[in-house]
């Protein structure tokens, strides 16, 4: 969702730069690993010796900050048209945000929320673990090899790869992590539903 359908970079940067300052850490270094993960997983990556319960407690505080701040949350260009184009074909939302944050950000961006939706509450392990994508495929009754994941982050792309899925990289962050195909935003993608029900994504 974040970085693929919704541009929430402004609020993510505000919240995580404040957290970095409280830890005495460089904000740019923190932001280089934060995207695509649940907050507690980011903290565990950056502060590996800190107890998990501290990370989970701080993550709840950061989630509250994020839910209260929708300033600058906007749709990725082409997101509404893309969601309309895939409305009749199986698709799921898989996000590291919890359900409340995901719903709020999609609403702030003026986008419908796909169903099924796999949020932070749906998994036991954050990206880059593939659990979320594998559960999404199971919800759809789809073979993971037949799925295409839209991702923008290193953690997300690694999770998709681990699930055995192809990756359409969205935006500049994705390019460095070798997706199968990369586009600047969703205005550069067309969706064609073929007579046999297969879906073709084409870069334009």
C-alpha atoms as a PDB file:
ATOM      1  CA  UNK A   1       0.000   0.000   0.000  1.00  0.00           C
ATOM      2  CA  UNK A   2       2.497   2.628   1.165  1.00  0.00           C
ATOM      3  CA  UNK A   3       4.652   3.552  -1.809  1.00  0.00           C
ATOM      4  CA  UNK A   4       2.578   1.559  -4.285  1.00  0.00           C
ATOM      5  CA  UNK A   5      -0.982   2.896  -3.915  1.00  0.00           C
ATOM      6  CA  UNK A   6      -0.529   5.633  -1.321  1.00  0.00           C
ATOM      7  CA  UNK A   7       2.300   8.135  -0.971  1.00  0.00           C
ATOM      8  CA  UNK A   8       2.730   8.506   2.781  1.00  0.00           C
ATOM      9  CA  UNK A   9       6.408   9.443   2.683  1.00  0.00           C
ATOM     10  CA  UNK A  10       5.836  12.862   4.274  1.00  0.00           C
ATOM     11  CA  UNK A  11       4.298  11.510   7.475  1.00  0.00           C
ATOM     12  CA  UNK A  12       6.641   8.507   7.631  1.00  0.00           C
ATOM     13  CA  UNK A  13       9.593  10.862   7.435  1.00  0.00           C
ATOM     14  CA  UNK A  14       8.212  13.176  10.125  1.00  0.00           C
ATOM     15  CA  UNK A  15       7.460  10.368  12.575  1.00  0.00           C
ATOM     16  CA  UNK A  16      10.642   8.389  12.046  1.00  0.00           C
ATOM     17  CA  UNK A  17      12.961  11.392  12.070  1.00  0.00           C
ATOM     18  CA  UNK A  18      11.536  12.303  15.481  1.00  0.00           C
ATOM     19  CA  UNK A  19      12.113   8.730  16.648  1.00  0.00           C
ATOM     20  CA  UNK A  20      15.686   8.768  15.271  1.00  0.00           C
ATOM     21  CA  UNK A  21      16.406  12.033  17.108  1.00  0.00           C
ATOM     22  CA  UNK A  22      15.175  10.519  20.379  1.00  0.00           C
ATOM     23  CA  UNK A  23      17.555   7.585  19.854  1.00  0.00           C
ATOM     24  CA  UNK A  24      20.482   9.828  18.882  1.00  0.00           C
ATOM     25  CA  UNK A  25      20.502   8.204  15.429  1.00  0.00           C
ATOM     26  CA  UNK A  26      20.915   9.666  11.965  1.00  0.00           C
ATOM     27  CA  UNK A  27      17.512  10.233  10.382  1.00  0.00           C
ATOM     28  CA  UNK A  28      18.657   9.360   6.874  1.00  0.00           C
ATOM     29  CA  UNK A  29      20.095   6.052   8.084  1.00  0.00           C
ATOM     30  CA  UNK A  30      16.822   5.181   9.803  1.00  0.00           C
ATOM     31  CA  UNK A  31      14.728   6.093   6.758  1.00  0.00           C
ATOM     32  CA  UNK A  32      16.899   3.885   4.563  1.00  0.00           C
ATOM     33  CA  UNK A  33      15.510   0.763   6.284  1.00  0.00           C
ATOM     34  CA  UNK A  34      12.066   1.803   7.551  1.00  0.00           C
ATOM     35  CA  UNK A  35      10.008   1.328   4.376  1.00  0.00           C
ATOM     36  CA  UNK A  36       8.046  -1.890   3.951  1.00  0.00           C
ATOM     37  CA  UNK A  37       8.475  -3.184   7.496  1.00  0.00           C
ATOM     38  CA  UNK A  38       6.399  -3.105  10.623  1.00  0.00           C
ATOM     39  CA  UNK A  39       7.844  -0.508  12.977  1.00  0.00           C
ATOM     40  CA  UNK A  40       9.023  -2.980  15.595  1.00  0.00           C
ATOM     41  CA  UNK A  41      10.923  -4.896  12.882  1.00  0.00           C
ATOM     42  CA  UNK A  42      12.681  -1.690  11.845  1.00  0.00           C
ATOM     43  CA  UNK A  43      13.652  -1.059  15.463  1.00  0.00           C
ATOM     44  CA  UNK A  44      14.967  -4.614  15.823  1.00  0.00           C
ATOM     45  CA  UNK A  45      17.078  -4.110  12.701  1.00  0.00           C
ATOM     46  CA  UNK A  46      18.514  -0.830  13.968  1.00  0.00           C
ATOM     47  CA  UNK A  47      18.806  -1.733  17.679  1.00  0.00           C
ATOM     48  CA  UNK A  48      19.382  -5.505  17.697  1.00  0.00           C
ATOM     49  CA  UNK A  49      20.253  -5.700  21.401  1.00  0.00           C
ATOM     50  CA  UNK A  50      17.095  -3.968  22.605  1.00  0.00           C
ATOM     51  CA  UNK A  51      14.312  -6.133  24.130  1.00  0.00           C
ATOM     52  CA  UNK A  52      11.472  -6.953  21.747  1.00  0.00           C
ATOM     53  CA  UNK A  53       8.861  -5.738  24.228  1.00  0.00           C
ATOM     54  CA  UNK A  54      10.402  -2.259  24.155  1.00  0.00           C
ATOM     55  CA  UNK A  55      10.259  -2.234  20.355  1.00  0.00           C
ATOM     56  CA  UNK A  56       6.616  -3.336  20.349  1.00  0.00           C
ATOM     57  CA  UNK A  57       5.661  -0.676  22.902  1.00  0.00           C
ATOM     58  CA  UNK A  58       7.420   2.069  20.942  1.00  0.00           C
ATOM     59  CA  UNK A  59       5.852   0.813  17.727  1.00  0.00           C
ATOM     60  CA  UNK A  60       2.393   1.296  19.237  1.00  0.00           C
ATOM     61  CA  UNK A  61       3.314   4.870  20.124  1.00  0.00           C
ATOM     62  CA  UNK A  62       4.565   5.547  16.596  1.00  0.00           C
ATOM     63  CA  UNK A  63       1.419   4.019  15.098  1.00  0.00           C
ATOM     64  CA  UNK A  64      -0.648   6.426  17.176  1.00  0.00           C
ATOM     65  CA  UNK A  65       1.415   9.316  15.793  1.00  0.00           C
ATOM     66  CA  UNK A  66       0.950   8.075  12.237  1.00  0.00           C
ATOM     67  CA  UNK A  67      -2.801   7.613  12.625  1.00  0.00           C
ATOM     68  CA  UNK A  68      -3.116  11.189  13.880  1.00  0.00           C
ATOM     69  CA  UNK A  69      -1.133  12.631  10.948  1.00  0.00           C
ATOM     70  CA  UNK A  70      -2.583  12.374   7.451  1.00  0.00           C
ATOM     71  CA  UNK A  71      -1.031  15.606   6.169  1.00  0.00           C
ATOM     72  CA  UNK A  72       0.507  14.986   2.771  1.00  0.00           C
ATOM     73  CA  UNK A  73      -0.970  11.497   2.337  1.00  0.00           C
ATOM     74  CA  UNK A  74      -1.933  11.345  -1.345  1.00  0.00           C
ATOM     75  CA  UNK A  75      -2.531   8.648  -3.964  1.00  0.00           C
ATOM     76  CA  UNK A  76       0.313   7.392  -6.103  1.00  0.00           C
ATOM     77  CA  UNK A  77      -0.403   8.774  -9.602  1.00  0.00           C
ATOM     78  CA  UNK A  78      -2.614   6.302 -11.452  1.00  0.00           C
ATOM     79  CA  UNK A  79      -3.627   4.360  -8.319  1.00  0.00           C
ATOM     80  CA  UNK A  80      -7.377   4.945  -8.605  1.00  0.00           C
ATOM     81  CA  UNK A  81      -7.436   3.954 -12.274  1.00  0.00           C
ATOM     82  CA  UNK A  82      -5.312   0.876 -11.550  1.00  0.00           C
ATOM     83  CA  UNK A  83      -7.658  -0.267  -8.778  1.00  0.00           C
ATOM     84  CA  UNK A  84     -10.613   0.243 -11.106  1.00  0.00           C
ATOM     85  CA  UNK A  85      -8.907  -1.790 -13.823  1.00  0.00           C
ATOM     86  CA  UNK A  86      -8.304  -4.783 -11.526  1.00  0.00           C
ATOM     87  CA  UNK A  87     -11.706  -4.649  -9.826  1.00  0.00           C
ATOM     88  CA  UNK A  88     -12.971  -7.758 -11.625  1.00  0.00           C
ATOM     89  CA  UNK A  89      -9.860  -9.901 -11.136  1.00  0.00           C
ATOM     90  CA  UNK A  90      -8.551 -11.529  -7.946  1.00  0.00           C
ATOM     91  CA  UNK A  91      -6.361  -9.174  -5.917  1.00  0.00           C
ATOM     92  CA  UNK A  92      -5.519  -8.518  -2.290  1.00  0.00           C
ATOM     93  CA  UNK A  93      -4.000  -5.759  -0.193  1.00  0.00           C
ATOM     94  CA  UNK A  94      -0.924  -6.911   1.749  1.00  0.00           C
ATOM     95  CA  UNK A  95       0.545  -4.209   3.960  1.00  0.00           C
ATOM     96  CA  UNK A  96       2.775  -3.827   7.002  1.00  0.00           C
ATOM     97  CA  UNK A  97       0.370  -1.191   8.346  1.00  0.00           C
ATOM     98  CA  UNK A  98      -2.277  -2.269  10.824  1.00  0.00           C
ATOM     99  CA  UNK A  99      -5.899  -2.256   9.696  1.00  0.00           C
ATOM    100  CA  UNK A 100      -6.757   1.110  11.230  1.00  0.00           C
ATOM    101  CA  UNK A 101      -3.773   2.865   9.666  1.00  0.00           C
ATOM    102  CA  UNK A 102      -4.273   1.162   6.301  1.00  0.00           C
ATOM    103  CA  UNK A 103      -7.945   2.149   6.210  1.00  0.00           C
ATOM    104  CA  UNK A 104      -7.166   5.724   7.229  1.00  0.00           C
ATOM    105  CA  UNK A 105      -4.437   6.193   4.639  1.00  0.00           C
ATOM    106  CA  UNK A 106      -6.475   4.702   1.819  1.00  0.00           C
ATOM    107  CA  UNK A 107      -9.363   6.996   2.781  1.00  0.00           C
ATOM    108  CA  UNK A 108      -7.064  10.030   2.947  1.00  0.00           C
ATOM    109  CA  UNK A 109      -5.860   9.174  -0.559  1.00  0.00           C
ATOM    110  CA  UNK A 110      -9.422   8.688  -1.802  1.00  0.00           C
ATOM    111  CA  UNK A 111      -8.888   5.034  -2.723  1.00  0.00           C
ATOM    112  CA  UNK A 112     -11.041   1.954  -2.193  1.00  0.00           C
ATOM    113  CA  UNK A 113      -9.637  -0.699   0.120  1.00  0.00           C
ATOM    114  CA  UNK A 114      -9.263  -4.062  -1.646  1.00  0.00           C
ATOM    115  CA  UNK A 115     -10.548  -7.235  -0.066  1.00  0.00           C
ATOM    116  CA  UNK A 116      -9.120  -9.510   1.111  1.00  0.00           C
ATOM    117  CA  UNK A 117      -6.708  -7.365   3.063  1.00  0.00           C
ATOM    118  CA  UNK A 118      -3.722  -8.708   4.982  1.00  0.00           C
ATOM    119  CA  UNK A 119      -2.480  -6.198   7.566  1.00  0.00           C
ATOM    120  CA  UNK A 120      -0.048  -6.276  10.474  1.00  0.00           C
ATOM    121  CA  UNK A 121      -2.632  -8.142  12.560  1.00  0.00           C
ATOM    122  CA  UNK A 122      -2.802 -10.916   9.950  1.00  0.00           C
ATOM    123  CA  UNK A 123       0.796 -12.136  10.241  1.00  0.00           C
ATOM    124  CA  UNK A 124       3.267 -13.335  12.835  1.00  0.00           C
ATOM    125  CA  UNK A 125       6.322 -12.040  10.947  1.00  0.00           C
ATOM    126  CA  UNK A 126       6.952  -8.710   9.213  1.00  0.00           C
ATOM    127  CA  UNK A 127       8.385  -8.300   5.741  1.00  0.00           C
ATOM    128  CA  UNK A 128      10.975  -9.287   4.529  1.00  0.00           C
ATOM    129  CA  UNK A 129       9.375 -12.558   5.685  1.00  0.00           C
ATOM    130  CA  UNK A 130       7.053 -13.812   2.905  1.00  0.00           C
ATOM    131  CA  UNK A 131       4.182 -14.781   5.236  1.00  0.00           C
ATOM    132  CA  UNK A 132       1.924 -11.871   4.269  1.00  0.00           C
ATOM    133  CA  UNK A 133       2.167 -12.524   0.537  1.00  0.00           C
ATOM    134  CA  UNK A 134       1.717 -16.269   0.956  1.00  0.00           C
ATOM    135  CA  UNK A 135      -1.397 -15.688   3.047  1.00  0.00           C
ATOM    136  CA  UNK A 136      -2.658 -13.260   0.419  1.00  0.00           C
ATOM    137  CA  UNK A 137      -2.259 -15.894  -2.291  1.00  0.00           C
ATOM    138  CA  UNK A 138      -4.031 -18.459  -0.113  1.00  0.00           C
ATOM    139  CA  UNK A 139      -6.941 -16.059   0.456  1.00  0.00           C
ATOM    140  CA  UNK A 140      -7.252 -15.689  -3.314  1.00  0.00           C
ATOM    141  CA  UNK A 141      -6.924 -19.423  -3.959  1.00  0.00           C
ATOM    142  CA  UNK A 142      -3.960 -18.634  -6.206  1.00  0.00           C
ATOM    143  CA  UNK A 143      -0.635 -20.340  -6.820  1.00  0.00           C
ATOM    144  CA  UNK A 144       2.084 -17.932  -5.600  1.00  0.00           C
ATOM    145  CA  UNK A 145       3.871 -18.410  -8.934  1.00  0.00           C
ATOM    146  CA  UNK A 146       0.827 -16.898 -10.656  1.00  0.00           C
ATOM    147  CA  UNK A 147       0.840 -13.778  -8.473  1.00  0.00           C
ATOM    148  CA  UNK A 148       2.369 -10.381  -9.176  1.00  0.00           C
ATOM    149  CA  UNK A 149       3.305  -8.144  -6.259  1.00  0.00           C
ATOM    150  CA  UNK A 150       3.474  -4.352  -6.467  1.00  0.00           C
ATOM    151  CA  UNK A 151       6.278  -3.189  -4.184  1.00  0.00           C
ATOM    152  CA  UNK A 152       8.497  -0.167  -3.559  1.00  0.00           C
ATOM    153  CA  UNK A 153      10.825  -1.284  -0.767  1.00  0.00           C
ATOM    154  CA  UNK A 154      13.760  -3.614  -0.232  1.00  0.00           C
ATOM    155  CA  UNK A 155      11.902  -5.515   2.492  1.00  0.00           C
ATOM    156  CA  UNK A 156       8.794  -5.885   0.365  1.00  0.00           C
ATOM    157  CA  UNK A 157      10.644  -7.057  -2.713  1.00  0.00           C
ATOM    158  CA  UNK A 158      12.584  -9.601  -0.627  1.00  0.00           C
ATOM    159  CA  UNK A 159       9.296 -10.849   0.841  1.00  0.00           C
ATOM    160  CA  UNK A 160       7.756 -11.236  -2.610  1.00  0.00           C
ATOM    161  CA  UNK A 161      10.815 -13.098  -3.863  1.00  0.00           C
ATOM    162  CA  UNK A 162      10.672 -15.370  -0.821  1.00  0.00           C
ATOM    163  CA  UNK A 163       7.050 -16.119  -1.654  1.00  0.00           C
ATOM    164  CA  UNK A 164       8.007 -17.111  -5.199  1.00  0.00           C
ATOM    165  CA  UNK A 165       6.150 -14.209  -6.795  1.00  0.00           C
ATOM    166  CA  UNK A 166       7.000 -11.788  -9.577  1.00  0.00           C
ATOM    167  CA  UNK A 167       7.505  -8.150  -8.648  1.00  0.00           C
ATOM    168  CA  UNK A 168       6.393  -4.937 -10.307  1.00  0.00           C
ATOM    169  CA  UNK A 169       8.497  -2.210  -8.708  1.00  0.00           C
ATOM    170  CA  UNK A 170       6.781   1.139  -8.179  1.00  0.00           C
ATOM    171  CA  UNK A 171       8.792   4.344  -7.855  1.00  0.00           C
ATOM    172  CA  UNK A 172      12.473   5.152  -7.423  1.00  0.00           C
ATOM    173  CA  UNK A 173      13.073   3.102  -4.246  1.00  0.00           C
ATOM    174  CA  UNK A 174      12.182  -0.111  -6.027  1.00  0.00           C
ATOM    175  CA  UNK A 175      14.683   0.195  -8.852  1.00  0.00           C
ATOM    176  CA  UNK A 176      17.726  -0.503  -6.676  1.00  0.00           C
ATOM    177  CA  UNK A 177      16.321  -3.854  -5.568  1.00  0.00           C
ATOM    178  CA  UNK A 178      15.949  -5.556  -8.955  1.00  0.00           C
ATOM    179  CA  UNK A 179      12.202  -6.051  -9.444  1.00  0.00           C
ATOM    180  CA  UNK A 180      11.128  -7.962 -12.533  1.00  0.00           C
ATOM    181  CA  UNK A 181       9.819  -4.715 -13.989  1.00  0.00           C
ATOM    182  CA  UNK A 182       9.923  -1.147 -12.688  1.00  0.00           C
ATOM    183  CA  UNK A 183       7.749   1.871 -13.407  1.00  0.00           C
ATOM    184  CA  UNK A 184       7.820   5.409 -11.990  1.00  0.00           C
ATOM    185  CA  UNK A 185       4.163   5.204 -10.937  1.00  0.00           C
ATOM    186  CA  UNK A 186       0.906   3.519 -11.894  1.00  0.00           C
ATOM    187  CA  UNK A 187       0.193   5.838 -14.810  1.00  0.00           C
ATOM    188  CA  UNK A 188       2.870   3.795 -16.594  1.00  0.00           C
ATOM    189  CA  UNK A 189       0.942   0.507 -16.291  1.00  0.00           C
ATOM    190  CA  UNK A 190      -2.010  -0.740 -18.314  1.00  0.00           C
ATOM    191  CA  UNK A 191      -4.148  -3.692 -17.265  1.00  0.00           C
ATOM    192  CA  UNK A 192      -5.650  -6.062 -19.831  1.00  0.00           C
ATOM    193  CA  UNK A 193      -7.950  -8.899 -18.807  1.00  0.00           C
ATOM    194  CA  UNK A 194      -7.627 -11.632 -21.436  1.00  0.00           C
ATOM    195  CA  UNK A 195     -10.501 -13.887 -22.594  1.00  0.00           C
ATOM    196  CA  UNK A 196      -9.204 -16.806 -20.522  1.00  0.00           C
ATOM    197  CA  UNK A 197      -9.226 -14.651 -17.369  1.00  0.00           C
ATOM    198  CA  UNK A 198      -5.476 -14.108 -17.298  1.00  0.00           C
ATOM    199  CA  UNK A 199      -4.269 -10.583 -16.599  1.00  0.00           C
ATOM    200  CA  UNK A 200      -1.596  -8.798 -18.589  1.00  0.00           C
ATOM    201  CA  UNK A 201       0.280  -5.855 -17.072  1.00  0.00           C
ATOM    202  CA  UNK A 202       2.065  -3.721 -19.652  1.00  0.00           C
ATOM    203  CA  UNK A 203       4.527  -0.908 -19.118  1.00  0.00           C
ATOM    204  CA  UNK A 204       3.688   2.110 -21.249  1.00  0.00           C
END
